[in-house]
Amino acid sequence: MTKRIQLSAALPEAYQSIIQLHTVVEKAAANAGLDQRLIELVKIRASMLNGCAYCLDLHSRDARKLGESERRIIMLSAWWETDLYTEQERAALALTDAMTRLPQHQDVPDDVYQQATSVFTEEQYVAVAWAATVINAFNRLGVTSHKPLPVNPK
Protein backbone atom coordinates (compact mmCIF):
# COMPACT_ATOMS: atom_id res chain seq x y z
CA MET A 1 0.00 0.00 0.00
CA THR A 2 1.31 3.45 -0.88
CA LYS A 3 2.43 5.46 2.12
CA ARG A 4 0.42 8.68 2.22
CA ILE A 5 0.48 12.01 3.95
CA GLN A 6 -1.35 11.72 7.27
CA LEU A 7 -3.89 14.53 7.02
CA SER A 8 -4.55 14.59 10.76
CA ALA A 9 -0.87 15.24 11.49
CA ALA A 10 -0.34 17.56 8.53
CA LEU A 11 -2.90 20.09 9.78
CA PRO A 12 -3.21 19.40 13.51
CA GLU A 13 -5.31 22.50 14.25
CA ALA A 14 -8.03 21.30 11.89
CA TYR A 15 -7.84 17.77 13.29
CA GLN A 16 -8.12 19.10 16.85
CA SER A 17 -11.24 21.00 15.76
CA ILE A 18 -12.81 17.72 14.63
CA ILE A 19 -11.78 16.11 17.93
CA GLN A 20 -13.48 18.98 19.78
CA LEU A 21 -16.60 18.56 17.61
CA HIS A 22 -16.57 14.84 18.43
CA THR A 23 -16.43 15.68 22.16
CA VAL A 24 -19.41 18.05 21.83
CA VAL A 25 -21.43 15.41 19.97
CA GLU A 26 -20.55 12.68 22.49
CA LYS A 27 -21.70 14.95 25.32
CA ALA A 28 -24.93 15.80 23.46
CA ALA A 29 -25.63 12.08 22.96
CA ALA A 30 -25.09 11.39 26.66
CA ASN A 31 -27.22 14.38 27.67
CA ALA A 32 -29.99 13.13 25.38
CA GLY A 33 -29.97 9.80 27.20
CA LEU A 34 -28.57 7.74 24.33
CA ASP A 35 -26.70 4.56 25.14
CA GLN A 36 -23.03 4.96 24.18
CA ARG A 37 -23.18 1.51 22.56
CA LEU A 38 -25.75 2.84 20.07
CA ILE A 39 -23.36 5.64 19.12
CA GLU A 40 -20.53 3.12 18.70
CA LEU A 41 -22.76 1.05 16.40
CA VAL A 42 -23.30 4.18 14.28
CA LYS A 43 -19.54 4.72 14.10
CA ILE A 44 -18.84 1.10 13.18
CA ARG A 45 -21.56 0.98 10.52
CA ALA A 46 -20.43 4.20 8.80
CA SER A 47 -16.83 2.98 8.94
CA MET A 48 -17.90 -0.29 7.29
CA LEU A 49 -19.63 1.57 4.48
CA ASN A 50 -16.65 3.90 3.99
CA GLY A 51 -14.04 1.14 4.26
CA CYS A 52 -12.10 2.84 7.05
CA ALA A 53 -10.03 0.08 8.67
CA TYR A 54 -8.59 2.38 11.33
CA CYS A 55 -12.03 3.52 12.55
CA LEU A 56 -13.46 -0.01 12.33
CA ASP A 57 -10.66 -1.28 14.52
CA LEU A 58 -10.95 1.58 17.02
CA HIS A 59 -14.72 1.63 17.39
CA SER A 60 -15.11 -2.15 17.45
CA ARG A 61 -12.69 -2.21 20.38
CA ASP A 62 -14.53 0.68 22.05
CA ALA A 63 -17.88 -1.09 21.62
CA ARG A 64 -16.52 -4.31 23.11
CA LYS A 65 -15.22 -2.36 26.12
CA LEU A 66 -18.78 -1.08 26.62
CA GLY A 67 -20.07 -4.65 26.62
CA GLU A 68 -21.19 -4.93 23.00
CA SER A 69 -21.22 -8.50 21.70
CA GLU A 70 -18.97 -9.73 18.93
CA ARG A 71 -22.00 -11.11 17.12
CA ARG A 72 -23.81 -7.77 16.96
CA ILE A 73 -20.65 -6.02 15.77
CA ILE A 74 -20.12 -8.56 12.99
CA MET A 75 -23.79 -8.53 11.97
CA LEU A 76 -23.77 -4.77 11.39
CA SER A 77 -22.90 -5.50 7.77
CA ALA A 78 -26.43 -6.99 7.41
CA TRP A 79 -28.23 -5.35 10.32
CA TRP A 80 -31.57 -5.07 8.48
CA GLU A 81 -31.75 -8.87 8.06
CA THR A 82 -31.66 -9.69 11.78
CA ASP A 83 -33.65 -9.07 14.90
CA LEU A 84 -30.51 -8.43 16.96
CA TYR A 85 -31.03 -4.66 17.14
CA THR A 86 -33.61 -2.59 18.99
CA GLU A 87 -36.04 -0.29 17.24
CA GLN A 88 -33.85 2.71 18.13
CA GLU A 89 -30.70 0.99 16.91
CA ARG A 90 -32.38 0.04 13.63
CA ALA A 91 -33.51 3.64 13.13
CA ALA A 92 -30.02 4.95 13.93
CA LEU A 93 -28.42 2.45 11.55
CA ALA A 94 -30.87 3.30 8.74
CA LEU A 95 -30.16 7.00 9.24
CA THR A 96 -26.41 6.33 9.29
CA ASP A 97 -26.66 4.31 6.06
CA ALA A 98 -28.61 7.08 4.33
CA MET A 99 -26.32 9.86 5.54
CA THR A 100 -23.18 7.93 4.64
CA ARG A 101 -24.52 7.17 1.17
CA LEU A 102 -25.57 10.77 0.44
CA PRO A 103 -23.16 11.02 -2.52
CA GLN A 104 -25.02 8.13 -4.17
CA HIS A 105 -28.61 9.11 -3.38
CA GLN A 106 -28.48 12.86 -2.64
CA ASP A 107 -31.16 12.44 0.02
CA VAL A 108 -32.15 10.92 3.31
CA PRO A 109 -35.45 9.27 2.36
CA ASP A 110 -38.58 10.47 4.15
CA ASP A 111 -39.29 6.99 5.52
CA VAL A 112 -35.82 6.85 7.13
CA TYR A 113 -36.28 10.31 8.61
CA GLN A 114 -39.77 9.43 9.87
CA GLN A 115 -38.56 6.16 11.37
CA ALA A 116 -35.80 7.97 13.26
CA THR A 117 -37.97 10.83 14.49
CA SER A 118 -40.64 8.39 15.64
CA VAL A 119 -38.27 6.56 18.03
CA PHE A 120 -35.97 9.40 19.09
CA THR A 121 -36.66 12.70 20.75
CA GLU A 122 -35.52 15.70 18.74
CA GLU A 123 -32.45 15.97 20.96
CA GLN A 124 -31.60 12.29 20.40
CA TYR A 125 -32.17 12.51 16.65
CA VAL A 126 -29.84 15.51 16.45
CA ALA A 127 -27.14 13.66 18.40
CA VAL A 128 -27.37 10.56 16.20
CA ALA A 129 -27.26 12.62 12.99
CA TRP A 130 -24.25 14.56 14.27
CA ALA A 131 -22.53 11.33 15.34
CA ALA A 132 -22.96 9.99 11.79
CA THR A 133 -21.63 13.27 10.38
CA VAL A 134 -18.53 13.30 12.58
CA ILE A 135 -17.59 9.67 11.94
CA ASN A 136 -17.97 10.24 8.21
CA ALA A 137 -15.48 13.12 8.49
CA PHE A 138 -13.02 10.94 10.41
CA ASN A 139 -13.51 8.13 7.86
CA ARG A 140 -12.67 10.43 4.98
CA LEU A 141 -9.43 11.46 6.65
CA GLY A 142 -8.52 7.88 7.55
CA VAL A 143 -9.28 6.38 4.15
CA THR A 144 -7.59 9.18 2.20
CA SER A 145 -4.48 8.90 4.39
CA HIS A 146 -4.45 5.08 4.60
CA LYS A 147 -4.18 5.64 8.34
CA PRO A 148 -2.30 2.63 9.74
CA LEU A 149 -3.73 0.42 12.43
CA PRO A 150 -2.11 0.72 15.85
CA VAL A 151 0.62 -1.87 16.41
CA ASN A 152 -0.45 -2.67 19.98
CA PRO A 153 -4.11 -1.68 20.33
CA LYS A 154 -5.44 -1.20 23.86
C-alpha atoms as a PDB file:
ATOM      1  CA  MET A   1       0.000   0.000   0.000  1.00  0.00           C
ATOM      2  CA  THR A   2       1.306   3.448  -0.883  1.00  0.00           C
ATOM      3  CA  LYS A   3       2.428   5.463   2.124  1.00  0.00           C
ATOM      4  CA  ARG A   4       0.420   8.675   2.218  1.00  0.00           C
ATOM      5  CA  ILE A   5       0.480  12.015   3.954  1.00  0.00           C
ATOM      6  CA  GLN A   6      -1.351  11.721   7.274  1.00  0.00           C
ATOM      7  CA  LEU A   7      -3.889  14.527   7.020  1.00  0.00           C
ATOM      8  CA  SER A   8      -4.549  14.593  10.757  1.00  0.00           C
ATOM      9  CA  ALA A   9      -0.871  15.242  11.493  1.00  0.00           C
ATOM     10  CA  ALA A  10      -0.341  17.557   8.525  1.00  0.00           C
ATOM     11  CA  LEU A  11      -2.897  20.094   9.780  1.00  0.00           C
ATOM     12  CA  PRO A  12      -3.209  19.404  13.515  1.00  0.00           C
ATOM     13  CA  GLU A  13      -5.309  22.504  14.247  1.00  0.00           C
ATOM     14  CA  ALA A  14      -8.030  21.295  11.892  1.00  0.00           C
ATOM     15  CA  TYR A  15      -7.842  17.773  13.288  1.00  0.00           C
ATOM     16  CA  GLN A  16      -8.125  19.101  16.847  1.00  0.00           C
ATOM     17  CA  SER A  17     -11.244  20.996  15.763  1.00  0.00           C
ATOM     18  CA  ILE A  18     -12.813  17.723  14.635  1.00  0.00           C
ATOM     19  CA  ILE A  19     -11.778  16.109  17.932  1.00  0.00           C
ATOM     20  CA  GLN A  20     -13.484  18.983  19.780  1.00  0.00           C
ATOM     21  CA  LEU A  21     -16.595  18.557  17.615  1.00  0.00           C
ATOM     22  CA  HIS A  22     -16.566  14.842  18.431  1.00  0.00           C
ATOM     23  CA  THR A  23     -16.426  15.683  22.157  1.00  0.00           C
ATOM     24  CA  VAL A  24     -19.405  18.055  21.830  1.00  0.00           C
ATOM     25  CA  VAL A  25     -21.426  15.413  19.968  1.00  0.00           C
ATOM     26  CA  GLU A  26     -20.555  12.675  22.488  1.00  0.00           C
ATOM     27  CA  LYS A  27     -21.704  14.954  25.316  1.00  0.00           C
ATOM     28  CA  ALA A  28     -24.928  15.799  23.458  1.00  0.00           C
ATOM     29  CA  ALA A  29     -25.629  12.084  22.960  1.00  0.00           C
ATOM     30  CA  ALA A  30     -25.089  11.385  26.655  1.00  0.00           C
ATOM     31  CA  ASN A  31     -27.215  14.379  27.672  1.00  0.00           C
ATOM     32  CA  ALA A  32     -29.989  13.129  25.378  1.00  0.00           C
ATOM     33  CA  GLY A  33     -29.969   9.803  27.198  1.00  0.00           C
ATOM     34  CA  LEU A  34     -28.567   7.741  24.331  1.00  0.00           C
ATOM     35  CA  ASP A  35     -26.697   4.562  25.140  1.00  0.00           C
ATOM     36  CA  GLN A  36     -23.025   4.957  24.184  1.00  0.00           C
ATOM     37  CA  ARG A  37     -23.180   1.510  22.561  1.00  0.00           C
ATOM     38  CA  LEU A  38     -25.751   2.836  20.067  1.00  0.00           C
ATOM     39  CA  ILE A  39     -23.363   5.644  19.122  1.00  0.00           C
ATOM     40  CA  GLU A  40     -20.535   3.122  18.700  1.00  0.00           C
ATOM     41  CA  LEU A  41     -22.765   1.046  16.396  1.00  0.00           C
ATOM     42  CA  VAL A  42     -23.301   4.176  14.282  1.00  0.00           C
ATOM     43  CA  LYS A  43     -19.543   4.716  14.102  1.00  0.00           C
ATOM     44  CA  ILE A  44     -18.835   1.097  13.182  1.00  0.00           C
ATOM     45  CA  ARG A  45     -21.557   0.981  10.517  1.00  0.00           C
ATOM     46  CA  ALA A  46     -20.426   4.196   8.801  1.00  0.00           C
ATOM     47  CA  SER A  47     -16.827   2.984   8.937  1.00  0.00           C
ATOM     48  CA  MET A  48     -17.898  -0.290   7.290  1.00  0.00           C
ATOM     49  CA  LEU A  49     -19.625   1.569   4.478  1.00  0.00           C
ATOM     50  CA  ASN A  50     -16.654   3.897   3.990  1.00  0.00           C
ATOM     51  CA  GLY A  51     -14.039   1.144   4.265  1.00  0.00           C
ATOM     52  CA  CYS A  52     -12.095   2.837   7.052  1.00  0.00           C
ATOM     53  CA  ALA A  53     -10.027   0.078   8.666  1.00  0.00           C
ATOM     54  CA  TYR A  54      -8.588   2.385  11.328  1.00  0.00           C
ATOM     55  CA  CYS A  55     -12.029   3.523  12.549  1.00  0.00           C
ATOM     56  CA  LEU A  56     -13.463  -0.007  12.326  1.00  0.00           C
ATOM     57  CA  ASP A  57     -10.657  -1.276  14.518  1.00  0.00           C
ATOM     58  CA  LEU A  58     -10.949   1.580  17.018  1.00  0.00           C
ATOM     59  CA  HIS A  59     -14.725   1.626  17.393  1.00  0.00           C
ATOM     60  CA  SER A  60     -15.112  -2.149  17.446  1.00  0.00           C
ATOM     61  CA  ARG A  61     -12.690  -2.207  20.384  1.00  0.00           C
ATOM     62  CA  ASP A  62     -14.534   0.681  22.053  1.00  0.00           C
ATOM     63  CA  ALA A  63     -17.885  -1.086  21.615  1.00  0.00           C
ATOM     64  CA  ARG A  64     -16.519  -4.310  23.108  1.00  0.00           C
ATOM     65  CA  LYS A  65     -15.217  -2.360  26.124  1.00  0.00           C
ATOM     66  CA  LEU A  66     -18.777  -1.080  26.620  1.00  0.00           C
ATOM     67  CA  GLY A  67     -20.075  -4.648  26.622  1.00  0.00           C
ATOM     68  CA  GLU A  68     -21.192  -4.929  22.997  1.00  0.00           C
ATOM     69  CA  SER A  69     -21.223  -8.499  21.698  1.00  0.00           C
ATOM     70  CA  GLU A  70     -18.968  -9.726  18.928  1.00  0.00           C
ATOM     71  CA  ARG A  71     -21.996 -11.109  17.125  1.00  0.00           C
ATOM     72  CA  ARG A  72     -23.806  -7.767  16.964  1.00  0.00           C
ATOM     73  CA  ILE A  73     -20.648  -6.023  15.768  1.00  0.00           C
ATOM     74  CA  ILE A  74     -20.124  -8.557  12.988  1.00  0.00           C
ATOM     75  CA  MET A  75     -23.787  -8.527  11.969  1.00  0.00           C
ATOM     76  CA  LEU A  76     -23.768  -4.769  11.392  1.00  0.00           C
ATOM     77  CA  SER A  77     -22.897  -5.504   7.769  1.00  0.00           C
ATOM     78  CA  ALA A  78     -26.426  -6.992   7.407  1.00  0.00           C
ATOM     79  CA  TRP A  79     -28.231  -5.354  10.320  1.00  0.00           C
ATOM     80  CA  TRP A  80     -31.568  -5.067   8.479  1.00  0.00           C
ATOM     81  CA  GLU A  81     -31.749  -8.874   8.055  1.00  0.00           C
ATOM     82  CA  THR A  82     -31.659  -9.692  11.775  1.00  0.00           C
ATOM     83  CA  ASP A  83     -33.651  -9.071  14.905  1.00  0.00           C
ATOM     84  CA  LEU A  84     -30.507  -8.427  16.959  1.00  0.00           C
ATOM     85  CA  TYR A  85     -31.034  -4.662  17.137  1.00  0.00           C
ATOM     86  CA  THR A  86     -33.607  -2.585  18.989  1.00  0.00           C
ATOM     87  CA  GLU A  87     -36.037  -0.290  17.238  1.00  0.00           C
ATOM     88  CA  GLN A  88     -33.853   2.714  18.131  1.00  0.00           C
ATOM     89  CA  GLU A  89     -30.700   0.993  16.913  1.00  0.00           C
ATOM     90  CA  ARG A  90     -32.383   0.044  13.634  1.00  0.00           C
ATOM     91  CA  ALA A  91     -33.505   3.642  13.128  1.00  0.00           C
ATOM     92  CA  ALA A  92     -30.021   4.950  13.929  1.00  0.00           C
ATOM     93  CA  LEU A  93     -28.421   2.454  11.546  1.00  0.00           C
ATOM     94  CA  ALA A  94     -30.870   3.298   8.738  1.00  0.00           C
ATOM     95  CA  LEU A  95     -30.161   7.003   9.239  1.00  0.00           C
ATOM     96  CA  THR A  96     -26.408   6.332   9.286  1.00  0.00           C
ATOM     97  CA  ASP A  97     -26.655   4.314   6.064  1.00  0.00           C
ATOM     98  CA  ALA A  98     -28.614   7.076   4.334  1.00  0.00           C
ATOM     99  CA  MET A  99     -26.322   9.862   5.539  1.00  0.00           C
ATOM    100  CA  THR A 100     -23.176   7.926   4.641  1.00  0.00           C
ATOM    101  CA  ARG A 101     -24.519   7.168   1.166  1.00  0.00           C
ATOM    102  CA  LEU A 102     -25.566  10.768   0.445  1.00  0.00           C
ATOM    103  CA  PRO A 103     -23.157  11.021  -2.518  1.00  0.00           C
ATOM    104  CA  GLN A 104     -25.016   8.127  -4.173  1.00  0.00           C
ATOM    105  CA  HIS A 105     -28.614   9.107  -3.379  1.00  0.00           C
ATOM    106  CA  GLN A 106     -28.481  12.861  -2.636  1.00  0.00           C
ATOM    107  CA  ASP A 107     -31.161  12.442   0.021  1.00  0.00           C
ATOM    108  CA  VAL A 108     -32.149  10.919   3.307  1.00  0.00           C
ATOM    109  CA  PRO A 109     -35.448   9.274   2.356  1.00  0.00           C
ATOM    110  CA  ASP A 110     -38.577  10.466   4.154  1.00  0.00           C
ATOM    111  CA  ASP A 111     -39.286   6.985   5.524  1.00  0.00           C
ATOM    112  CA  VAL A 112     -35.822   6.848   7.125  1.00  0.00           C
ATOM    113  CA  TYR A 113     -36.284  10.313   8.613  1.00  0.00           C
ATOM    114  CA  GLN A 114     -39.772   9.433   9.872  1.00  0.00           C
ATOM    115  CA  GLN A 115     -38.565   6.157  11.365  1.00  0.00           C
ATOM    116  CA  ALA A 116     -35.796   7.972  13.255  1.00  0.00           C
ATOM    117  CA  THR A 117     -37.966  10.830  14.488  1.00  0.00           C
ATOM    118  CA  SER A 118     -40.641   8.387  15.643  1.00  0.00           C
ATOM    119  CA  VAL A 119     -38.268   6.561  18.032  1.00  0.00           C
ATOM    120  CA  PHE A 120     -35.975   9.402  19.087  1.00  0.00           C
ATOM    121  CA  THR A 121     -36.658  12.705  20.747  1.00  0.00           C
ATOM    122  CA  GLU A 122     -35.521  15.700  18.740  1.00  0.00           C
ATOM    123  CA  GLU A 123     -32.447  15.970  20.962  1.00  0.00           C
ATOM    124  CA  GLN A 124     -31.604  12.291  20.405  1.00  0.00           C
ATOM    125  CA  TYR A 125     -32.172  12.511  16.648  1.00  0.00           C
ATOM    126  CA  VAL A 126     -29.845  15.511  16.450  1.00  0.00           C
ATOM    127  CA  ALA A 127     -27.141  13.663  18.404  1.00  0.00           C
ATOM    128  CA  VAL A 128     -27.374  10.558  16.197  1.00  0.00           C
ATOM    129  CA  ALA A 129     -27.260  12.625  12.993  1.00  0.00           C
ATOM    130  CA  TRP A 130     -24.252  14.565  14.265  1.00  0.00           C
ATOM    131  CA  ALA A 131     -22.529  11.332  15.338  1.00  0.00           C
ATOM    132  CA  ALA A 132     -22.956   9.993  11.791  1.00  0.00           C
ATOM    133  CA  THR A 133     -21.634  13.269  10.377  1.00  0.00           C
ATOM    134  CA  VAL A 134     -18.534  13.299  12.575  1.00  0.00           C
ATOM    135  CA  ILE A 135     -17.587   9.667  11.943  1.00  0.00           C
ATOM    136  CA  ASN A 136     -17.970  10.236   8.209  1.00  0.00           C
ATOM    137  CA  ALA A 137     -15.478  13.120   8.488  1.00  0.00           C
ATOM    138  CA  PHE A 138     -13.024  10.941  10.413  1.00  0.00           C
ATOM    139  CA  ASN A 139     -13.506   8.129   7.865  1.00  0.00           C
ATOM    140  CA  ARG A 140     -12.671  10.425   4.977  1.00  0.00           C
ATOM    141  CA  LEU A 141      -9.433  11.463   6.655  1.00  0.00           C
ATOM    142  CA  GLY A 142      -8.521   7.884   7.554  1.00  0.00           C
ATOM    143  CA  VAL A 143      -9.283   6.379   4.149  1.00  0.00           C
ATOM    144  CA  THR A 144      -7.585   9.180   2.202  1.00  0.00           C
ATOM    145  CA  SER A 145      -4.482   8.903   4.394  1.00  0.00           C
ATOM    146  CA  HIS A 146      -4.451   5.078   4.595  1.00  0.00           C
ATOM    147  CA  LYS A 147      -4.185   5.643   8.343  1.00  0.00           C
ATOM    148  CA  PRO A 148      -2.296   2.634   9.742  1.00  0.00           C
ATOM    149  CA  LEU A 149      -3.734   0.420  12.434  1.00  0.00           C
ATOM    150  CA  PRO A 150      -2.111   0.716  15.851  1.00  0.00           C
ATOM    151  CA  VAL A 151       0.622  -1.873  16.414  1.00  0.00           C
ATOM    152  CA  ASN A 152      -0.454  -2.666  19.977  1.00  0.00           C
ATOM    153  CA  PRO A 153      -4.112  -1.683  20.325  1.00  0.00           C
ATOM    154  CA  LYS A 154      -5.439  -1.205  23.863  1.00  0.00           C
END
